[in-house]
PDB file of N, CA and C in Angstrom:
ATOM      1  N   MET A   1       0.845  -1.175   0.000  1.00  0.00           N
ATOM      2  CA  MET A   1       0.000   0.000   0.000  1.00  0.00           C
ATOM      3  C   MET A   1       0.894   1.243   0.000  1.00  0.00           C
ATOM      4  N   ALA A   2       0.462   2.242  -0.761  1.00  0.00           N
ATOM      5  CA  ALA A   2       1.243   3.467  -0.885  1.00  0.00           C
ATOM      6  C   ALA A   2       1.122   4.315   0.377  1.00  0.00           C
ATOM      7  N   THR A   3       2.194   5.034   0.645  1.00  0.00           N
ATOM      8  CA  THR A   3       2.179   5.941   1.789  1.00  0.00           C
ATOM      9  C   THR A   3       1.430   7.222   1.420  1.00  0.00           C
ATOM     10  N   MET A   4       1.143   8.030   2.417  1.00  0.00           N
ATOM     11  CA  MET A   4       0.463   9.297   2.177  1.00  0.00           C
ATOM     12  C   MET A   4       1.305  10.182   1.255  1.00  0.00           C
ATOM     13  N   LEU A   5       2.623  10.200   1.453  1.00  0.00           N
ATOM     14  CA  LEU A   5       3.503  11.006   0.609  1.00  0.00           C
ATOM     15  C   LEU A   5       3.465  10.507  -0.831  1.00  0.00           C
ATOM     16  N   GLU A   6       3.518   9.197  -1.017  1.00  0.00           N
ATOM     17  CA  GLU A   6       3.465   8.637  -2.374  1.00  0.00           C
ATOM     18  C   GLU A   6       2.145   8.988  -3.061  1.00  0.00           C
ATOM     19  N   ASN A   7       1.059   8.912  -2.311  1.00  0.00           N
ATOM     20  CA  ASN A   7      -0.244   9.280  -2.872  1.00  0.00           C
ATOM     21  C   ASN A   7      -0.285  10.762  -3.236  1.00  0.00           C
ATOM     22  N   HIS A   8       0.297  11.592  -2.383  1.00  0.00           N
ATOM     23  CA  HIS A   8       0.317  13.032  -2.637  1.00  0.00           C
ATOM     24  C   HIS A   8       1.149  13.342  -3.881  1.00  0.00           C
ATOM     25  N   ILE A   9       2.288  12.700  -4.010  1.00  0.00           N
ATOM     26  CA  ILE A   9       3.144  12.903  -5.181  1.00  0.00           C
ATOM     27  C   ILE A   9       2.418  12.453  -6.445  1.00  0.00           C
ATOM     28  N   ALA A  10       1.743  11.316  -6.387  1.00  0.00           N
ATOM     29  CA  ALA A  10       0.988  10.824  -7.547  1.00  0.00           C
ATOM     30  C   ALA A  10      -0.105  11.816  -7.929  1.00  0.00           C
ATOM     31  N   TRP A  11      -0.801  12.359  -6.919  1.00  0.00           N
ATOM     32  CA  TRP A  11      -1.843  13.352  -7.192  1.00  0.00           C
ATOM     33  C   TRP A  11      -1.244  14.595  -7.842  1.00  0.00           C
ATOM     34  N   MET A  12      -0.100  15.070  -7.322  1.00  0.00           N
ATOM     35  CA  MET A  12       0.534  16.268  -7.881  1.00  0.00           C
ATOM     36  C   MET A  12       0.924  16.047  -9.338  1.00  0.00           C
ATOM     37  N   LYS A  13       1.458  14.868  -9.658  1.00  0.00           N
ATOM     38  CA  LYS A  13       1.830  14.568 -11.045  1.00  0.00           C
ATOM     39  C   LYS A  13       0.604  14.598 -11.956  1.00  0.00           C
ATOM     40  N   LYS A  14      -0.493  14.009 -11.504  1.00  0.00           N
ATOM     41  CA  LYS A  14      -1.726  14.016 -12.300  1.00  0.00           C
ATOM     42  C   LYS A  14      -2.252  15.435 -12.466  1.00  0.00           C
ATOM     43  N   GLU A  15      -2.178  16.216 -11.412  1.00  0.00           N
ATOM     44  CA  GLU A  15      -2.668  17.593 -11.463  1.00  0.00           C
ATOM     45  C   GLU A  15      -1.816  18.441 -12.400  1.00  0.00           C
ATOM     46  N   VAL A  16      -0.494  18.243 -12.399  1.00  0.00           N
ATOM     47  CA  VAL A  16       0.385  18.973 -13.317  1.00  0.00           C
ATOM     48  C   VAL A  16       0.014  18.637 -14.761  1.00  0.00           C
ATOM     49  N   ALA A  17      -0.220  17.364 -15.042  1.00  0.00           N
ATOM     50  CA  ALA A  17      -0.609  16.957 -16.396  1.00  0.00           C
ATOM     51  C   ALA A  17      -1.951  17.573 -16.786  1.00  0.00           C
ATOM     52  N   SER A  18      -2.890  17.588 -15.866  1.00  0.00           N
ATOM     53  CA  SER A  18      -4.208  18.169 -16.123  1.00  0.00           C
ATOM     54  C   SER A  18      -4.100  19.671 -16.374  1.00  0.00           C
ATOM     55  N   LEU A  19      -3.310  20.345 -15.567  1.00  0.00           N
ATOM     56  CA  LEU A  19      -3.116  21.784 -15.748  1.00  0.00           C
ATOM     57  C   LEU A  19      -2.434  22.081 -17.079  1.00  0.00           C
ATOM     58  N   ALA A  20      -1.472  21.256 -17.458  1.00  0.00           N
ATOM     59  CA  ALA A  20      -0.794  21.439 -18.745  1.00  0.00           C
ATOM     60  C   ALA A  20      -1.801  21.330 -19.887  1.00  0.00           C
ATOM     61  N   ASP A  21      -2.728  20.374 -19.783  1.00  0.00           N
ATOM     62  CA  ASP A  21      -3.773  20.236 -20.802  1.00  0.00           C
ATOM     63  C   ASP A  21      -4.674  21.460 -20.836  1.00  0.00           C
ATOM     64  N   ARG A  22      -5.087  21.938 -19.662  1.00  0.00           N
ATOM     65  CA  ARG A  22      -5.955  23.120 -19.609  1.00  0.00           C
ATOM     66  C   ARG A  22      -5.256  24.342 -20.192  1.00  0.00           C
ATOM     67  N   ILE A  23      -3.975  24.504 -19.866  1.00  0.00           N
ATOM     68  CA  ILE A  23      -3.197  25.630 -20.389  1.00  0.00           C
ATOM     69  C   ILE A  23      -3.119  25.544 -21.912  1.00  0.00           C
ATOM     70  N   ARG A  24      -2.842  24.354 -22.430  1.00  0.00           N
ATOM     71  CA  ARG A  24      -2.759  24.167 -23.882  1.00  0.00           C
ATOM     72  C   ARG A  24      -4.089  24.512 -24.553  1.00  0.00           C
ATOM     73  N   ILE A  25      -5.183  24.048 -23.979  1.00  0.00           N
ATOM     74  CA  ILE A  25      -6.509  24.305 -24.548  1.00  0.00           C
ATOM     75  C   ILE A  25      -6.794  25.802 -24.596  1.00  0.00           C
ATOM     76  N   ILE A  26      -6.469  26.515 -23.533  1.00  0.00           N
ATOM     77  CA  ILE A  26      -6.704  27.962 -23.510  1.00  0.00           C
ATOM     78  C   ILE A  26      -5.789  28.667 -24.503  1.00  0.00           C
ATOM     79  N   GLU A  27      -4.503  28.293 -24.515  1.00  0.00           N
ATOM     80  CA  GLU A  27      -3.558  28.948 -25.417  1.00  0.00           C
ATOM     81  C   GLU A  27      -3.878  28.663 -26.880  1.00  0.00           C
ATOM     82  N   ASP A  28      -4.443  27.490 -27.168  1.00  0.00           N
ATOM     83  CA  ASP A  28      -4.851  27.153 -28.537  1.00  0.00           C
ATOM     84  C   ASP A  28      -6.212  27.752 -28.887  1.00  0.00           C
ATOM     85  N   GLU A  29      -6.758  28.537 -27.969  1.00  0.00           N
ATOM     86  CA  GLU A  29      -8.045  29.218 -28.133  1.00  0.00           C
ATOM     87  C   GLU A  29      -9.185  28.246 -28.410  1.00  0.00           C
ATOM     88  N   GLU A  30      -9.118  27.071 -27.783  1.00  0.00           N
ATOM     89  CA  GLU A  30     -10.187  26.083 -27.899  1.00  0.00           C
ATOM     90  C   GLU A  30     -11.251  26.298 -26.827  1.00  0.00           C
ATOM     91  N   ALA A  31     -10.970  27.165 -25.864  1.00  0.00           N
ATOM     92  CA  ALA A  31     -11.929  27.416 -24.785  1.00  0.00           C
ATOM     93  C   ALA A  31     -11.825  28.873 -24.347  1.00  0.00           C
ATOM     94  N   ARG A  32     -12.959  29.405 -23.914  1.00  0.00           N
ATOM     95  CA  ARG A  32     -13.028  30.742 -23.344  1.00  0.00           C
ATOM     96  C   ARG A  32     -13.818  30.623 -22.051  1.00  0.00           C
ATOM     97  N   PHE A  33     -13.554  31.491 -21.104  1.00  0.00           N
ATOM     98  CA  PHE A  33     -14.246  31.473 -19.818  1.00  0.00           C
ATOM     99  C   PHE A  33     -14.837  32.851 -19.558  1.00  0.00           C
ATOM    100  N   TYR A  34     -16.110  32.855 -19.183  1.00  0.00           N
ATOM    101  CA  TYR A  34     -16.816  34.108 -18.931  1.00  0.00           C
ATOM    102  C   TYR A  34     -17.470  34.061 -17.562  1.00  0.00           C
ATOM    103  N   SER A  35     -17.671  35.238 -16.998  1.00  0.00           N
ATOM    104  CA  SER A  35     -18.334  35.358 -15.706  1.00  0.00           C
ATOM    105  C   SER A  35     -19.429  36.410 -15.828  1.00  0.00           C
ATOM    106  N   ARG A  36     -20.556  36.130 -15.193  1.00  0.00           N
ATOM    107  CA  ARG A  36     -21.649  37.107 -15.179  1.00  0.00           C
ATOM    108  C   ARG A  36     -22.274  37.068 -13.788  1.00  0.00           C
ATOM    109  N   HIS A  37     -22.517  38.240 -13.218  1.00  0.00           N
ATOM    110  CA  HIS A  37     -23.109  38.325 -11.885  1.00  0.00           C
ATOM    111  C   HIS A  37     -24.320  39.239 -11.907  1.00  0.00           C
ATOM    112  N   ASP A  38     -25.439  38.732 -11.462  1.00  0.00           N
ATOM    113  CA  ASP A  38     -26.664  39.521 -11.264  1.00  0.00           C
ATOM    114  C   ASP A  38     -26.990  40.444 -12.429  1.00  0.00           C
ATOM    115  N   GLY A  39     -27.017  39.889 -13.631  1.00  0.00           N
ATOM    116  CA  GLY A  39     -27.422  40.673 -14.789  1.00  0.00           C
ATOM    117  C   GLY A  39     -26.371  41.621 -15.329  1.00  0.00           C
ATOM    118  N   GLU A  40     -25.205  41.635 -14.736  1.00  0.00           N
ATOM    119  CA  GLU A  40     -24.116  42.483 -15.234  1.00  0.00           C
ATOM    120  C   GLU A  40     -23.630  41.915 -16.572  1.00  0.00           C
ATOM    121  N   PRO A  41     -22.921  42.719 -17.356  1.00  0.00           N
ATOM    122  CA  PRO A  41     -22.382  42.209 -18.622  1.00  0.00           C
ATOM    123  C   PRO A  41     -21.379  41.077 -18.375  1.00  0.00           C
ATOM    124  N   GLU A  42     -21.269  40.193 -19.367  1.00  0.00           N
ATOM    125  CA  GLU A  42     -20.288  39.111 -19.267  1.00  0.00           C
ATOM    126  C   GLU A  42     -18.879  39.689 -19.225  1.00  0.00           C
ATOM    127  N   VAL A  43     -18.040  39.062 -18.436  1.00  0.00           N
ATOM    128  CA  VAL A  43     -16.641  39.460 -18.336  1.00  0.00           C
ATOM    129  C   VAL A  43     -15.801  38.278 -18.794  1.00  0.00           C
ATOM    130  N   ASP A  44     -14.899  38.526 -19.740  1.00  0.00           N
ATOM    131  CA  ASP A  44     -14.023  37.460 -20.231  1.00  0.00           C
ATOM    132  C   ASP A  44     -12.961  37.181 -19.173  1.00  0.00           C
ATOM    133  N   MET A  45     -12.993  35.980 -18.633  1.00  0.00           N
ATOM    134  CA  MET A  45     -12.073  35.580 -17.564  1.00  0.00           C
ATOM    135  C   MET A  45     -10.968  34.656 -18.073  1.00  0.00           C
ATOM    136  N   THR A  46     -10.855  34.503 -19.394  1.00  0.00           N
ATOM    137  CA  THR A  46      -9.932  33.529 -19.965  1.00  0.00           C
ATOM    138  C   THR A  46      -8.495  33.772 -19.514  1.00  0.00           C
ATOM    139  N   GLN A  47      -8.028  35.007 -19.593  1.00  0.00           N
ATOM    140  CA  GLN A  47      -6.639  35.294 -19.216  1.00  0.00           C
ATOM    141  C   GLN A  47      -6.414  35.087 -17.724  1.00  0.00           C
ATOM    142  N   THR A  48      -7.431  35.350 -16.922  1.00  0.00           N
ATOM    143  CA  THR A  48      -7.337  35.105 -15.482  1.00  0.00           C
ATOM    144  C   THR A  48      -7.193  33.613 -15.215  1.00  0.00           C
ATOM    145  N   PHE A  49      -8.028  32.797 -15.871  1.00  0.00           N
ATOM    146  CA  PHE A  49      -7.943  31.349 -15.707  1.00  0.00           C
ATOM    147  C   PHE A  49      -6.585  30.836 -16.174  1.00  0.00           C
ATOM    148  N   LEU A  50      -6.090  31.366 -17.296  1.00  0.00           N
ATOM    149  CA  LEU A  50      -4.789  30.947 -17.814  1.00  0.00           C
ATOM    150  C   LEU A  50      -3.691  31.266 -16.805  1.00  0.00           C
ATOM    151  N   ALA A  51      -3.695  32.475 -16.266  1.00  0.00           N
ATOM    152  CA  ALA A  51      -2.674  32.872 -15.289  1.00  0.00           C
ATOM    153  C   ALA A  51      -2.746  32.016 -14.028  1.00  0.00           C
ATOM    154  N   GLU A  52      -3.964  31.750 -13.546  1.00  0.00           N
ATOM    155  CA  GLU A  52      -4.121  30.918 -12.346  1.00  0.00           C
ATOM    156  C   GLU A  52      -3.634  29.496 -12.590  1.00  0.00           C
ATOM    157  N   ASN A  53      -3.957  28.944 -13.758  1.00  0.00           N
ATOM    158  CA  ASN A  53      -3.510  27.588 -14.074  1.00  0.00           C
ATOM    159  C   ASN A  53      -1.993  27.516 -14.182  1.00  0.00           C
ATOM    160  N   LYS A  54      -1.380  28.522 -14.791  1.00  0.00           N
ATOM    161  CA  LYS A  54       0.081  28.541 -14.903  1.00  0.00           C
ATOM    162  C   LYS A  54       0.732  28.653 -13.527  1.00  0.00           C
ATOM    163  N   LEU A  55       0.148  29.467 -12.656  1.00  0.00           N
ATOM    164  CA  LEU A  55       0.681  29.625 -11.304  1.00  0.00           C
ATOM    165  C   LEU A  55       0.576  28.316 -10.525  1.00  0.00           C
ATOM    166  N   LYS A  56      -0.593  27.671 -10.572  1.00  0.00           N
ATOM    167  CA  LYS A  56      -0.770  26.391  -9.872  1.00  0.00           C
ATOM    168  C   LYS A  56       0.208  25.345 -10.385  1.00  0.00           C
ATOM    169  N   LYS A  57       0.372  25.287 -11.703  1.00  0.00           N
ATOM    170  CA  LYS A  57       1.285  24.311 -12.306  1.00  0.00           C
ATOM    171  C   LYS A  57       2.716  24.562 -11.836  1.00  0.00           C
ATOM    172  N   ALA A  58       3.147  25.816 -11.841  1.00  0.00           N
ATOM    173  CA  ALA A  58       4.502  26.155 -11.397  1.00  0.00           C
ATOM    174  C   ALA A  58       4.707  25.797  -9.926  1.00  0.00           C
ATOM    175  N   GLU A  59       3.696  26.059  -9.094  1.00  0.00           N
ATOM    176  CA  GLU A  59       3.801  25.729  -7.667  1.00  0.00           C
ATOM    177  C   GLU A  59       3.924  24.222  -7.459  1.00  0.00           C
ATOM    178  N   LEU A  60       3.121  23.450  -8.179  1.00  0.00           N
ATOM    179  CA  LEU A  60       3.190  21.992  -8.040  1.00  0.00           C
ATOM    180  C   LEU A  60       4.511  21.447  -8.568  1.00  0.00           C
ATOM    181  N   GLU A  61       4.984  21.981  -9.689  1.00  0.00           N
ATOM    182  CA  GLU A  61       6.275  21.541 -10.227  1.00  0.00           C
ATOM    183  C   GLU A  61       7.396  21.858  -9.243  1.00  0.00           C
ATOM    184  N   ASN A  62       7.317  23.005  -8.577  1.00  0.00           N
ATOM    185  CA  ASN A  62       8.314  23.369  -7.577  1.00  0.00           C
ATOM    186  C   ASN A  62       8.289  22.391  -6.402  1.00  0.00           C
ATOM    187  N   LEU A  63       7.088  22.029  -5.951  1.00  0.00           N
ATOM    188  CA  LEU A  63       6.983  21.046  -4.863  1.00  0.00           C
ATOM    189  C   LEU A  63       7.564  19.699  -5.273  1.00  0.00           C
ATOM    190  N   LEU A  64       7.268  19.280  -6.498  1.00  0.00           N
ATOM    191  CA  LEU A  64       7.813  18.007  -6.979  1.00  0.00           C
ATOM    192  C   LEU A  64       9.341  18.057  -7.022  1.00  0.00           C
ATOM    193  N   LYS A  65       9.899  19.198  -7.420  1.00  0.00           N
ATOM    194  CA  LYS A  65      11.359  19.348  -7.429  1.00  0.00           C
ATOM    195  C   LYS A  65      11.919  19.252  -6.014  1.00  0.00           C
ATOM    196  N   GLN A  66      11.193  19.827  -5.045  1.00  0.00           N
ATOM    197  CA  GLN A  66      11.642  19.747  -3.658  1.00  0.00           C
ATOM    198  C   GLN A  66      11.660  18.303  -3.166  1.00  0.00           C
ATOM    199  N   TYR A  67      10.748  17.486  -3.697  1.00  0.00           N
ATOM    200  CA  TYR A  67      10.724  16.067  -3.351  1.00  0.00           C
ATOM    201  C   TYR A  67      11.723  15.269  -4.187  1.00  0.00           C
ATOM    202  N   GLY A  68      12.439  15.957  -5.095  1.00  0.00           N
ATOM    203  CA  GLY A  68      13.425  15.287  -5.924  1.00  0.00           C
ATOM    204  C   GLY A  68      12.818  14.565  -7.110  1.00  0.00           C
ATOM    205  N   ILE A  69      11.638  15.023  -7.529  1.00  0.00           N
ATOM    206  CA  ILE A  69      10.936  14.392  -8.641  1.00  0.00           C
ATOM    207  C   ILE A  69      10.700  15.444  -9.712  1.00  0.00           C
ATOM    208  N   GLY A  70      10.865  15.057 -10.957  1.00  0.00           N
ATOM    209  CA  GLY A  70      10.556  15.972 -12.057  1.00  0.00           C
ATOM    210  C   GLY A  70      11.754  16.722 -12.463  1.00  0.00           C
TER     211      GLY A  70
END
């Protein structure tokens, strides 16, 4: 049975791969993200989502490096 650390590392690797896919999809302009609140005009949130995904990916990659992986 895997340890908690091994499970966490496996999750981080999967999350990095998922984030890389999301980043690629946004950069290839295959997806756009919008937000609307209480009848206000739609706001394009695509660049915000892209920046957040890149930040999360970098943070996870940094953690994996600290564990000596990646």
